Each structure stands twice: as C-alpha cells, then as structure tokens.
C-alpha cells in the first residue's frame, strides 16, 4: 500500500504493475502472479453466491491485452 500511495502519480509501467501484483498475491496458489493473464477463461470481479454470482466487471479477453 505504501508503494501505491507513494507512486500513484507515476505512469503505470509493466514492472510496477507486476511488482504490485506480486506484493498483493505472492503467497497465493493457483494464480499466475506477476504476469499477464493467458487462456480463454474470462476474468471477472464477482460477488454473491457461487451458483448465482453478480458479475461487476469482466476484463477484455486475454488475447486483447499484451
């Protein structure tokens, strides 16, 4: 959080984005941490029940992002 607070006015570089990603999710298993998303599965921000989620955001397909 300190890195974000101190550097939020700087242009967001690939290195900074991946560094933040590793800081936030470094101990997580089952995710690709510190790299671009790959594959055909959608990336969604969702909440609610597993059988009836509310999707708040769906990212562009991974092949449309570097």
Protein backbone atom coordinates (compact mmCIF):
# COMPACT_ATOMS: atom_id res chain seq x y z
CA UNK A 1 0.00 0.00 0.00
CA UNK A 2 2.91 2.34 0.69
CA UNK A 3 4.32 1.72 -2.80
CA UNK A 4 0.93 2.56 -4.35
CA UNK A 5 0.50 5.65 -2.20
CA UNK A 6 3.97 6.96 -2.95
CA UNK A 7 3.95 6.23 -6.67
CA UNK A 8 0.37 6.66 -7.88
CA UNK A 9 1.21 9.79 -9.91
CA UNK A 10 3.88 8.00 -11.94
CA UNK A 11 2.99 6.32 -15.23
CA UNK A 12 1.99 2.71 -14.62
CA UNK A 13 4.72 0.55 -16.12
CA UNK A 14 4.60 -3.19 -16.67
CA UNK A 15 7.27 -3.65 -13.99
CA UNK A 16 5.35 -1.59 -11.41
CA UNK A 17 2.07 -3.40 -12.13
CA UNK A 18 3.65 -6.83 -11.77
CA UNK A 19 5.51 -5.74 -8.62
CA UNK A 20 2.24 -4.66 -7.01
CA UNK A 21 0.65 -7.93 -8.14
CA UNK A 22 3.42 -9.97 -6.50
CA UNK A 23 3.17 -7.92 -3.28
CA UNK A 24 -0.59 -8.46 -3.05
CA UNK A 25 -0.81 -12.09 -4.19
CA UNK A 26 2.68 -13.52 -3.69
CA UNK A 27 1.59 -16.36 -1.40
CA UNK A 28 -1.45 -17.35 -3.47
CA UNK A 29 -1.55 -20.72 -5.19
CA UNK A 30 -3.42 -21.45 -8.39
CA UNK A 31 -2.91 -17.99 -9.90
CA UNK A 32 -0.30 -16.66 -12.27
CA UNK A 33 1.23 -13.89 -10.17
CA UNK A 34 3.31 -11.12 -11.71
CA UNK A 35 2.44 -11.79 -15.35
CA UNK A 36 -0.20 -11.21 -17.99
CA UNK A 37 -3.30 -13.36 -17.96
CA UNK A 38 -3.43 -16.17 -20.54
CA UNK A 39 -6.08 -18.53 -21.86
CA UNK A 40 -9.68 -18.23 -22.87
CA UNK A 41 -11.36 -18.08 -19.47
CA UNK A 42 -12.87 -14.69 -18.63
CA UNK A 43 -11.51 -12.70 -15.70
CA UNK A 44 -14.41 -11.41 -13.67
CA UNK A 45 -14.94 -9.44 -10.49
CA UNK A 46 -17.97 -11.07 -8.92
CA UNK A 47 -19.78 -11.36 -5.62
CA UNK A 48 -22.67 -13.33 -4.20
CA UNK A 49 -23.49 -16.99 -4.13
CA UNK A 50 -21.37 -19.42 -6.15
CA UNK A 51 -24.47 -20.64 -8.02
CA UNK A 52 -25.82 -17.11 -8.68
CA UNK A 53 -22.91 -14.68 -8.82
CA UNK A 54 -23.29 -10.99 -9.57
CA UNK A 55 -20.63 -10.00 -12.12
CA UNK A 56 -19.48 -6.42 -11.53
CA UNK A 57 -16.75 -6.32 -14.19
CA UNK A 58 -15.42 -8.57 -16.94
CA UNK A 59 -11.95 -7.85 -18.30
CA UNK A 60 -11.16 -7.84 -22.02
CA UNK A 61 -10.13 -11.23 -23.45
CA UNK A 62 -6.51 -12.12 -22.64
CA UNK A 63 -5.55 -12.11 -26.32
CA UNK A 64 -6.56 -8.42 -26.48
CA UNK A 65 -4.09 -7.49 -23.69
CA UNK A 66 -0.29 -7.72 -24.07
